[in-house]
């Protein structure tokens, strides 16, 4: 009986140590992620601040967002253009929406 209690205690201790190590690793990974995110945001700020006065004006921000939207639209269009002829048919446009819906549905309802 004492061996079973000792073994149980040892298992519980190992479990606590494993959980603590996992939490520490998650914390370290989140710290690295936050650091990388901050670096990206800082670099992005520098790009947006065209006049380099240390602030972003509404015009600078709007210009940046318009460019990002245009850049994204080119990639989005290319993704929809199944036959790569630089034109979208109605079928390509509708099918891309259907495919996107299916992907989202699969992500939200894994098997």
C-alpha atoms as a PDB file:
ATOM      1  CA  UNK A   1       0.000   0.000   0.000  1.00  0.00           C
ATOM      2  CA  UNK A   2       2.859   2.393   0.864  1.00  0.00           C
ATOM      3  CA  UNK A   3       4.463   1.684  -2.506  1.00  0.00           C
ATOM      4  CA  UNK A   4       1.229   2.618  -4.281  1.00  0.00           C
ATOM      5  CA  UNK A   5       0.947   5.870  -2.299  1.00  0.00           C
ATOM      6  CA  UNK A   6       4.587   6.679  -2.937  1.00  0.00           C
ATOM      7  CA  UNK A   7       4.196   5.935  -6.654  1.00  0.00           C
ATOM      8  CA  UNK A   8       1.007   8.029  -6.797  1.00  0.00           C
ATOM      9  CA  UNK A   9       2.737  10.928  -5.050  1.00  0.00           C
ATOM     10  CA  UNK A  10       5.658  10.667  -7.434  1.00  0.00           C
ATOM     11  CA  UNK A  11       3.304  10.690 -10.441  1.00  0.00           C
ATOM     12  CA  UNK A  12       1.464  13.743  -9.123  1.00  0.00           C
ATOM     13  CA  UNK A  13       4.776  15.518  -8.495  1.00  0.00           C
ATOM     14  CA  UNK A  14       5.959  14.696 -12.020  1.00  0.00           C
ATOM     15  CA  UNK A  15       2.672  15.963 -13.398  1.00  0.00           C
ATOM     16  CA  UNK A  16       3.013  19.269 -11.504  1.00  0.00           C
ATOM     17  CA  UNK A  17       6.603  19.664 -12.697  1.00  0.00           C
ATOM     18  CA  UNK A  18       5.549  18.939 -16.292  1.00  0.00           C
ATOM     19  CA  UNK A  19       2.722  21.482 -16.089  1.00  0.00           C
ATOM     20  CA  UNK A  20       5.046  24.080 -14.573  1.00  0.00           C
ATOM     21  CA  UNK A  21       7.619  23.499 -17.311  1.00  0.00           C
ATOM     22  CA  UNK A  22       4.948  23.726 -20.010  1.00  0.00           C
ATOM     23  CA  UNK A  23       3.622  26.979 -18.533  1.00  0.00           C
ATOM     24  CA  UNK A  24       7.157  28.377 -18.386  1.00  0.00           C
ATOM     25  CA  UNK A  25       7.781  27.407 -22.023  1.00  0.00           C
ATOM     26  CA  UNK A  26       4.488  28.985 -23.080  1.00  0.00           C
ATOM     27  CA  UNK A  27       5.399  32.127 -21.181  1.00  0.00           C
ATOM     28  CA  UNK A  28       8.831  32.278 -22.830  1.00  0.00           C
ATOM     29  CA  UNK A  29       7.279  31.706 -26.268  1.00  0.00           C
ATOM     30  CA  UNK A  30       4.679  34.400 -25.637  1.00  0.00           C
ATOM     31  CA  UNK A  31       7.434  36.790 -24.540  1.00  0.00           C
ATOM     32  CA  UNK A  32       9.327  36.080 -27.774  1.00  0.00           C
ATOM     33  CA  UNK A  33       6.158  36.529 -29.781  1.00  0.00           C
ATOM     34  CA  UNK A  34       5.400  39.843 -28.054  1.00  0.00           C
ATOM     35  CA  UNK A  35       8.960  41.027 -28.664  1.00  0.00           C
ATOM     36  CA  UNK A  36       8.780  40.115 -32.359  1.00  0.00           C
ATOM     37  CA  UNK A  37       5.379  41.778 -32.664  1.00  0.00           C
ATOM     38  CA  UNK A  38       6.687  44.967 -31.039  1.00  0.00           C
ATOM     39  CA  UNK A  39       9.639  45.021 -33.437  1.00  0.00           C
ATOM     40  CA  UNK A  40       7.345  44.640 -36.447  1.00  0.00           C
ATOM     41  CA  UNK A  41       5.021  47.389 -35.192  1.00  0.00           C
ATOM     42  CA  UNK A  42       7.984  49.702 -34.581  1.00  0.00           C
ATOM     43  CA  UNK A  43       9.292  49.123 -38.114  1.00  0.00           C
ATOM     44  CA  UNK A  44       5.799  49.629 -39.494  1.00  0.00           C
ATOM     45  CA  UNK A  45       5.475  52.920 -37.599  1.00  0.00           C
ATOM     46  CA  UNK A  46       8.727  54.111 -39.158  1.00  0.00           C
ATOM     47  CA  UNK A  47       7.382  53.297 -42.642  1.00  0.00           C
ATOM     48  CA  UNK A  48       4.089  55.106 -42.036  1.00  0.00           C
ATOM     49  CA  UNK A  49       5.742  58.220 -40.553  1.00  0.00           C
ATOM     50  CA  UNK A  50       6.832  59.599 -43.936  1.00  0.00           C
ATOM     51  CA  UNK A  51       7.945  63.022 -42.685  1.00  0.00           C
ATOM     52  CA  UNK A  52       9.917  61.385 -39.836  1.00  0.00           C
ATOM     53  CA  UNK A  53       8.562  63.743 -37.168  1.00  0.00           C
ATOM     54  CA  UNK A  54       7.895  60.928 -34.700  1.00  0.00           C
ATOM     55  CA  UNK A  55       4.111  60.954 -35.142  1.00  0.00           C
ATOM     56  CA  UNK A  56       1.692  59.548 -37.691  1.00  0.00           C
ATOM     57  CA  UNK A  57      -0.815  61.976 -39.150  1.00  0.00           C
ATOM     58  CA  UNK A  58      -4.228  60.848 -40.359  1.00  0.00           C
ATOM     59  CA  UNK A  59      -3.087  61.467 -43.955  1.00  0.00           C
ATOM     60  CA  UNK A  60       0.015  59.301 -43.490  1.00  0.00           C
ATOM     61  CA  UNK A  61      -2.098  56.555 -41.943  1.00  0.00           C
ATOM     62  CA  UNK A  62      -4.746  56.708 -44.678  1.00  0.00           C
ATOM     63  CA  UNK A  63      -2.086  56.563 -47.386  1.00  0.00           C
ATOM     64  CA  UNK A  64      -0.549  53.521 -45.702  1.00  0.00           C
ATOM     65  CA  UNK A  65      -3.912  51.747 -45.378  1.00  0.00           C
ATOM     66  CA  UNK A  66      -4.815  52.466 -48.997  1.00  0.00           C
ATOM     67  CA  UNK A  67      -1.507  50.998 -50.162  1.00  0.00           C
ATOM     68  CA  UNK A  68      -1.898  47.915 -47.939  1.00  0.00           C
ATOM     69  CA  UNK A  69      -5.429  47.428 -49.286  1.00  0.00           C
ATOM     70  CA  UNK A  70      -4.236  47.723 -52.872  1.00  0.00           C
ATOM     71  CA  UNK A  71      -1.391  45.292 -52.231  1.00  0.00           C
ATOM     72  CA  UNK A  72      -3.828  42.850 -50.647  1.00  0.00           C
ATOM     73  CA  UNK A  73      -6.311  43.200 -53.485  1.00  0.00           C
ATOM     74  CA  UNK A  74      -3.695  42.125 -56.035  1.00  0.00           C
ATOM     75  CA  UNK A  75      -2.989  38.944 -54.071  1.00  0.00           C
ATOM     76  CA  UNK A  76      -6.685  38.314 -53.502  1.00  0.00           C
ATOM     77  CA  UNK A  77      -7.384  38.742 -57.215  1.00  0.00           C
ATOM     78  CA  UNK A  78      -4.540  36.371 -58.112  1.00  0.00           C
ATOM     79  CA  UNK A  79      -5.957  33.782 -55.695  1.00  0.00           C
ATOM     80  CA  UNK A  80      -9.380  33.963 -57.374  1.00  0.00           C
ATOM     81  CA  UNK A  81      -8.020  33.894 -60.947  1.00  0.00           C
ATOM     82  CA  UNK A  82      -7.949  30.109 -61.334  1.00  0.00           C
ATOM     83  CA  UNK A  83      -6.812  30.107 -64.973  1.00  0.00           C
ATOM     84  CA  UNK A  84      -4.318  32.962 -64.386  1.00  0.00           C
ATOM     85  CA  UNK A  85      -5.535  34.989 -67.373  1.00  0.00           C
ATOM     86  CA  UNK A  86      -5.719  38.240 -65.352  1.00  0.00           C
ATOM     87  CA  UNK A  87      -9.527  38.287 -65.605  1.00  0.00           C
ATOM     88  CA  UNK A  88     -12.185  36.891 -63.307  1.00  0.00           C
ATOM     89  CA  UNK A  89     -15.188  35.064 -64.612  1.00  0.00           C
ATOM     90  CA  UNK A  90     -18.338  34.951 -62.540  1.00  0.00           C
ATOM     91  CA  UNK A  91     -17.680  31.253 -61.913  1.00  0.00           C
ATOM     92  CA  UNK A  92     -14.151  31.936 -60.586  1.00  0.00           C
ATOM     93  CA  UNK A  93     -15.450  34.689 -58.324  1.00  0.00           C
ATOM     94  CA  UNK A  94     -18.298  32.563 -56.932  1.00  0.00           C
ATOM     95  CA  UNK A  95     -16.152  29.413 -56.585  1.00  0.00           C
ATOM     96  CA  UNK A  96     -13.511  31.272 -54.590  1.00  0.00           C
ATOM     97  CA  UNK A  97     -16.222  32.405 -52.163  1.00  0.00           C
ATOM     98  CA  UNK A  98     -17.530  28.852 -51.883  1.00  0.00           C
ATOM     99  CA  UNK A  99     -14.018  27.475 -51.314  1.00  0.00           C
ATOM    100  CA  UNK A 100     -13.305  30.124 -48.686  1.00  0.00           C
ATOM    101  CA  UNK A 101     -16.576  29.318 -46.900  1.00  0.00           C
ATOM    102  CA  UNK A 102     -15.686  25.596 -46.906  1.00  0.00           C
ATOM    103  CA  UNK A 103     -12.254  26.300 -45.419  1.00  0.00           C
ATOM    104  CA  UNK A 104     -13.723  28.482 -42.675  1.00  0.00           C
ATOM    105  CA  UNK A 105     -16.377  25.864 -41.969  1.00  0.00           C
ATOM    106  CA  UNK A 106     -13.729  23.115 -41.736  1.00  0.00           C
ATOM    107  CA  UNK A 107     -11.627  25.220 -39.355  1.00  0.00           C
ATOM    108  CA  UNK A 108     -14.624  25.785 -37.089  1.00  0.00           C
ATOM    109  CA  UNK A 109     -15.821  22.174 -37.312  1.00  0.00           C
ATOM    110  CA  UNK A 110     -12.767  19.900 -37.233  1.00  0.00           C
ATOM    111  CA  UNK A 111     -13.439  16.190 -37.623  1.00  0.00           C
END
